[in-house]
Protein backbone atom coordinates (compact mmCIF):
# COMPACT_ATOMS: atom_id res chain seq x y z
CA MET A 1 4.31 -37.43 -93.99
CA SER A 2 4.35 -38.57 -97.64
CA SER A 3 4.01 -35.01 -98.90
CA ILE A 4 7.26 -33.80 -97.32
CA GLY A 5 9.08 -31.55 -99.81
CA SER A 6 5.97 -30.99 -101.92
CA GLY A 7 5.85 -27.34 -100.90
CA TYR A 8 2.88 -27.53 -98.55
CA ASP A 9 5.08 -27.84 -95.44
CA LEU A 10 6.94 -24.55 -95.94
CA SER A 11 4.42 -22.41 -94.08
CA ALA A 12 2.25 -22.92 -91.01
CA GLY A 13 -0.48 -20.89 -92.70
CA GLN A 14 -0.91 -23.17 -95.72
CA PHE A 15 -3.18 -26.20 -96.09
CA SER A 16 -2.26 -29.16 -98.27
CA PRO A 17 -4.85 -30.36 -100.85
CA ASP A 18 -6.01 -33.06 -98.42
CA GLY A 19 -6.63 -30.52 -95.64
CA ARG A 20 -3.49 -30.99 -93.56
CA VAL A 21 -1.21 -28.40 -91.97
CA PHE A 22 2.18 -30.08 -92.02
CA GLN A 23 3.92 -27.61 -89.74
CA VAL A 24 1.44 -28.45 -86.97
CA GLU A 25 1.95 -32.17 -87.60
CA TYR A 26 5.71 -31.69 -87.31
CA ALA A 27 5.22 -29.88 -83.99
CA ILE A 28 3.08 -32.78 -82.75
CA LYS A 29 5.88 -35.14 -83.84
CA ALA A 30 8.32 -33.18 -81.66
CA VAL A 31 6.02 -33.86 -78.70
CA GLU A 32 5.78 -37.55 -79.58
CA ASN A 33 9.58 -37.84 -79.56
CA SER A 34 9.81 -36.37 -76.06
CA GLY A 35 9.94 -38.31 -72.81
CA SER A 36 6.58 -39.53 -71.51
CA VAL A 37 4.47 -37.18 -69.41
CA ILE A 38 1.30 -38.31 -67.66
CA ALA A 39 -1.30 -36.77 -65.37
CA ILE A 40 -4.12 -38.51 -63.53
CA ARG A 41 -7.12 -36.93 -61.85
CA GLY A 42 -8.12 -38.68 -58.63
CA CYS A 43 -10.87 -38.12 -56.09
CA ASP A 44 -8.95 -35.43 -54.19
CA GLY A 45 -6.48 -33.94 -56.67
CA VAL A 46 -4.24 -34.32 -59.71
CA VAL A 47 -0.84 -36.05 -59.91
CA PHE A 48 1.76 -35.32 -62.60
CA GLY A 49 4.58 -37.66 -63.63
CA VAL A 50 7.45 -36.97 -66.03
CA GLU A 51 10.05 -39.22 -67.64
CA LYS A 52 12.89 -36.74 -68.12
CA ILE A 53 15.41 -38.32 -70.48
CA ILE A 54 19.03 -37.83 -69.40
CA THR A 55 21.30 -37.60 -72.46
CA SER A 56 24.51 -36.97 -70.52
CA LYS A 57 25.86 -38.14 -67.17
CA LEU A 58 27.26 -34.64 -66.69
CA TYR A 59 23.81 -33.10 -66.19
CA GLU A 60 23.04 -31.81 -62.72
CA GLU A 61 20.16 -33.65 -61.07
CA GLY A 62 17.01 -31.55 -60.84
CA SER A 63 17.92 -29.18 -63.67
CA ASN A 64 15.67 -28.49 -66.67
CA ARG A 65 12.50 -29.52 -64.88
CA ARG A 66 9.39 -30.29 -66.86
CA VAL A 67 6.89 -29.57 -64.08
CA TYR A 68 5.90 -25.97 -63.37
CA SER A 69 3.60 -23.94 -61.17
CA ILE A 70 1.53 -21.53 -63.27
CA ASP A 71 -0.10 -19.99 -60.20
CA ASN A 72 -0.41 -21.25 -56.65
CA HIS A 73 -3.55 -23.17 -57.60
CA ILE A 74 -2.50 -24.51 -61.04
CA GLY A 75 0.27 -26.97 -61.89
CA ALA A 76 1.60 -28.01 -65.27
CA ALA A 77 3.77 -30.69 -66.88
CA VAL A 78 5.18 -30.35 -70.39
CA ALA A 79 6.34 -32.63 -73.21
CA GLY A 80 8.23 -31.50 -76.29
CA LEU A 81 10.84 -28.80 -76.85
CA LEU A 82 11.85 -27.41 -73.47
CA SER A 83 12.56 -23.90 -74.76
CA ASP A 84 9.09 -23.73 -76.33
CA ALA A 85 7.62 -25.04 -73.09
CA ARG A 86 9.25 -22.26 -71.06
CA ALA A 87 7.87 -19.62 -73.42
CA ALA A 88 4.36 -21.09 -73.20
CA VAL A 89 4.57 -21.41 -69.39
CA ASN A 90 5.69 -17.79 -69.05
CA ARG A 91 2.71 -16.73 -71.18
CA ALA A 92 0.40 -18.79 -68.96
CA ARG A 93 1.85 -17.16 -65.85
CA ASP A 94 1.28 -13.71 -67.36
CA GLU A 95 -2.35 -14.60 -68.14
CA ALA A 96 -2.88 -15.86 -64.58
CA ALA A 97 -1.29 -12.75 -63.07
CA ASN A 98 -3.30 -10.38 -65.29
CA PHE A 99 -6.56 -12.14 -64.43
CA ARG A 100 -5.80 -11.94 -60.70
CA ASP A 101 -4.91 -8.23 -60.95
CA THR A 102 -8.08 -7.46 -62.91
CA TYR A 103 -10.68 -9.53 -61.07
CA GLN A 104 -8.98 -10.07 -57.67
CA VAL A 105 -9.61 -13.84 -57.86
CA PRO A 106 -7.50 -16.76 -59.14
CA ILE A 107 -8.00 -17.62 -62.81
CA PRO A 108 -10.18 -20.70 -63.46
CA LEU A 109 -8.33 -23.52 -65.21
CA LYS A 110 -10.72 -23.55 -68.16
CA THR A 111 -10.27 -19.82 -68.73
CA LEU A 112 -6.49 -20.14 -68.58
CA CYS A 113 -6.51 -23.03 -71.07
CA GLU A 114 -8.75 -21.11 -73.47
CA ARG A 115 -6.46 -18.06 -73.36
CA LEU A 116 -3.25 -20.05 -73.70
CA GLY A 117 -4.83 -22.21 -76.43
CA HIS A 118 -5.75 -19.08 -78.40
CA TYR A 119 -2.19 -17.81 -78.02
CA MET A 120 -0.66 -21.10 -79.24
CA HIS A 121 -3.15 -21.30 -82.13
CA TYR A 122 -2.04 -17.83 -83.25
CA PHE A 123 1.35 -19.38 -84.10
CA THR A 124 -0.28 -21.85 -86.50
CA VAL A 125 -1.94 -19.38 -88.88
CA TYR A 126 0.89 -17.05 -89.91
CA GLY A 127 3.70 -18.00 -92.28
CA SER A 128 6.28 -15.91 -90.41
CA LEU A 129 5.76 -17.96 -87.22
CA ARG A 130 6.04 -21.63 -86.33
CA PRO A 131 3.85 -23.69 -83.99
CA PHE A 132 4.93 -24.46 -80.43
CA GLY A 133 6.51 -27.91 -80.30
CA VAL A 134 4.98 -28.64 -76.91
CA SER A 135 1.93 -30.16 -75.25
CA ILE A 136 0.97 -28.94 -71.79
CA LEU A 137 -0.99 -30.81 -69.12
CA LEU A 138 -2.56 -28.53 -66.52
CA GLY A 139 -4.34 -29.44 -63.30
CA THR A 140 -6.05 -27.74 -60.37
CA TRP A 141 -8.16 -28.50 -57.31
CA ASP A 142 -10.45 -26.57 -55.00
CA GLU A 143 -13.04 -27.39 -52.34
CA VAL A 144 -16.01 -26.37 -54.50
CA ASN A 145 -15.24 -27.84 -57.93
CA GLY A 146 -12.80 -30.60 -57.00
CA PRO A 147 -9.97 -31.69 -59.32
CA LYS A 148 -9.70 -30.64 -62.97
CA LEU A 149 -7.24 -31.79 -65.64
CA MET A 150 -6.80 -30.36 -69.14
CA GLU A 151 -4.37 -30.61 -72.07
CA ILE A 152 -3.29 -28.07 -74.69
CA ASP A 153 -1.66 -29.47 -77.85
CA PRO A 154 0.58 -27.67 -80.41
CA ALA A 155 -2.47 -26.74 -82.50
CA GLY A 156 -3.93 -24.82 -79.54
CA SER A 157 -6.75 -27.34 -78.98
CA THR A 158 -7.84 -27.84 -75.35
CA ARG A 159 -9.41 -30.97 -73.86
CA GLY A 160 -10.47 -32.11 -70.41
CA TYR A 161 -9.32 -35.51 -69.11
CA TYR A 162 -9.55 -37.92 -66.21
CA GLY A 163 -6.16 -39.29 -67.20
CA CYS A 164 -3.81 -38.15 -69.97
CA ALA A 165 -0.46 -39.19 -71.45
CA VAL A 166 1.78 -37.52 -74.04
CA GLY A 167 5.26 -38.26 -75.33
CA LYS A 168 6.90 -41.35 -76.80
CA GLY A 169 5.28 -43.82 -74.39
CA ARG A 170 1.78 -42.34 -74.59
CA GLN A 171 0.00 -45.39 -76.05
CA ASN A 172 1.27 -47.85 -73.45
CA ALA A 173 0.74 -45.29 -70.71
CA LYS A 174 -2.89 -44.74 -71.74
CA THR A 175 -3.46 -48.49 -71.65
CA GLU A 176 -2.12 -48.67 -68.09
CA ILE A 177 -4.07 -45.60 -66.96
CA GLU A 178 -7.34 -47.05 -68.29
CA LYS A 179 -6.92 -50.00 -65.92
CA LEU A 180 -7.10 -47.74 -62.85
CA GLU A 181 -10.23 -46.73 -60.95
CA MET A 182 -9.06 -43.13 -60.91
CA SER A 183 -12.20 -41.55 -59.47
CA LYS A 184 -11.91 -43.71 -56.33
CA MET A 185 -8.18 -43.20 -55.74
CA SER A 186 -6.53 -40.55 -53.59
CA CYS A 187 -3.45 -38.58 -54.63
CA ARG A 188 -1.26 -40.62 -52.28
CA GLU A 189 -2.38 -43.79 -54.04
CA LEU A 190 -2.04 -42.25 -57.50
CA VAL A 191 1.54 -41.12 -56.88
CA LYS A 192 2.61 -44.77 -56.76
CA GLU A 193 0.61 -45.66 -59.85
CA VAL A 194 1.97 -42.69 -61.81
CA ALA A 195 5.53 -43.68 -60.96
CA LYS A 196 4.74 -47.28 -61.92
CA VAL A 197 3.37 -46.21 -65.31
CA ILE A 198 6.42 -44.03 -66.05
CA TYR A 199 8.79 -46.90 -65.25
CA SER A 200 6.73 -49.39 -67.26
CA VAL A 201 6.74 -47.30 -70.47
CA HIS A 202 10.41 -46.31 -70.28
CA ASP A 203 12.42 -47.76 -73.17
CA GLU A 204 15.74 -48.90 -71.66
CA VAL A 205 17.15 -49.77 -75.10
CA LYS A 206 16.81 -46.30 -76.65
CA ASP A 207 16.95 -44.18 -73.47
CA LYS A 208 19.01 -45.85 -70.75
CA HIS A 209 18.94 -43.05 -68.21
CA PHE A 210 16.01 -40.95 -67.06
CA GLU A 211 14.97 -38.89 -64.07
CA LEU A 212 11.51 -39.28 -62.55
CA GLU A 213 9.65 -36.10 -61.66
CA LEU A 214 6.45 -36.16 -59.59
CA SER A 215 4.24 -33.29 -58.48
CA TRP A 216 0.68 -32.97 -57.22
CA ILE A 217 -2.07 -30.56 -56.35
CA GLY A 218 -5.07 -31.40 -54.21
CA LYS A 219 -6.50 -31.72 -50.75
CA ASP A 220 -3.19 -32.86 -49.25
CA THR A 221 -1.51 -29.67 -50.45
CA ASN A 222 -4.43 -27.34 -49.61
CA GLY A 223 -4.91 -26.61 -53.30
CA ARG A 224 -1.29 -25.60 -53.96
CA HIS A 225 0.83 -27.20 -56.66
CA GLU A 226 3.94 -28.73 -55.13
CA LEU A 227 6.60 -31.32 -55.81
CA VAL A 228 5.80 -34.62 -54.11
CA PRO A 229 7.58 -34.74 -50.70
CA LYS A 230 10.84 -36.68 -50.73
CA ASP A 231 9.65 -39.51 -48.46
CA ILE A 232 6.53 -40.14 -50.56
CA PHE A 233 8.60 -39.77 -53.75
CA GLU A 234 11.11 -42.42 -52.62
CA GLU A 235 8.29 -44.74 -51.57
CA ALA A 236 6.60 -44.38 -54.98
CA LYS A 237 9.91 -44.87 -56.81
CA LYS A 238 10.64 -48.05 -54.83
CA TYR A 239 7.12 -49.34 -55.53
CA ALA A 240 7.57 -48.71 -59.28
CA GLU A 241 10.98 -50.39 -59.43
CA GLU A 242 9.70 -53.47 -57.56
CA ALA A 243 6.68 -53.71 -59.87
CA LEU A 244 8.98 -53.49 -62.91
CA ASN A 245 11.30 -56.17 -61.54
CA ASP A 246 8.35 -58.47 -60.79
CA SER A 247 7.12 -57.99 -64.35
CA ASP A 248 10.57 -58.82 -65.75
CA ASP A 249 10.75 -61.97 -63.60
CA GLU A 250 7.37 -63.14 -64.90
CA ASP A 251 8.53 -62.61 -68.51
CA THR A 252 11.71 -64.58 -67.79
CA ASP A 253 9.77 -67.50 -66.27
CA MET A 254 7.56 -67.68 -69.34
């Protein structure tokens, strides 16, 4: 960021002498300042977890969700600017609907990510536009191909993952995710671990209040993206809080 104000950050369509596009880097920074969002691909599905930062006690619980259904068979979780996320999600829904109308089959996740990635990249090459300040994690599951998890970043790049984390707690979250044997774990087991990771990376000093969001798609949901049922959600939340308290007790004893 040392070249801020040098003139190379005024347009998304301009490279700096060292090959950087500052407007894209600023968009990535907006994602990094967002609450943590993680997704883990297990043996029978994908689980999404979101740390939704609450900036006011006046907010209604459940509003401004960061988990979305793109189509019945594809779920998404977003980090970054919420307004940008809604625009990108609406575009993804249009792509899924157009594909279904044209070919009479649900859109494959890879095809959707390629189309949405191209659309988001379009906003990085013209000076009259600005990049999307959002990263999107998308997951699906079916009987033939099993679970799939992909990410689209503000530059429009797409990547496949077994486990992915974005937002302000991404580094610590990735460390925790790498400890899991994801390929051997079911969605019901992963829901608890996802909640645990979200609670462990939450910064109580900077962001005192947050709302946990959990959704999944897999064998348990018959391939439909849904919010985690309330009983399983409460069980996972309790598990995460107890794990956090145990960790704090160990630190105090030391």
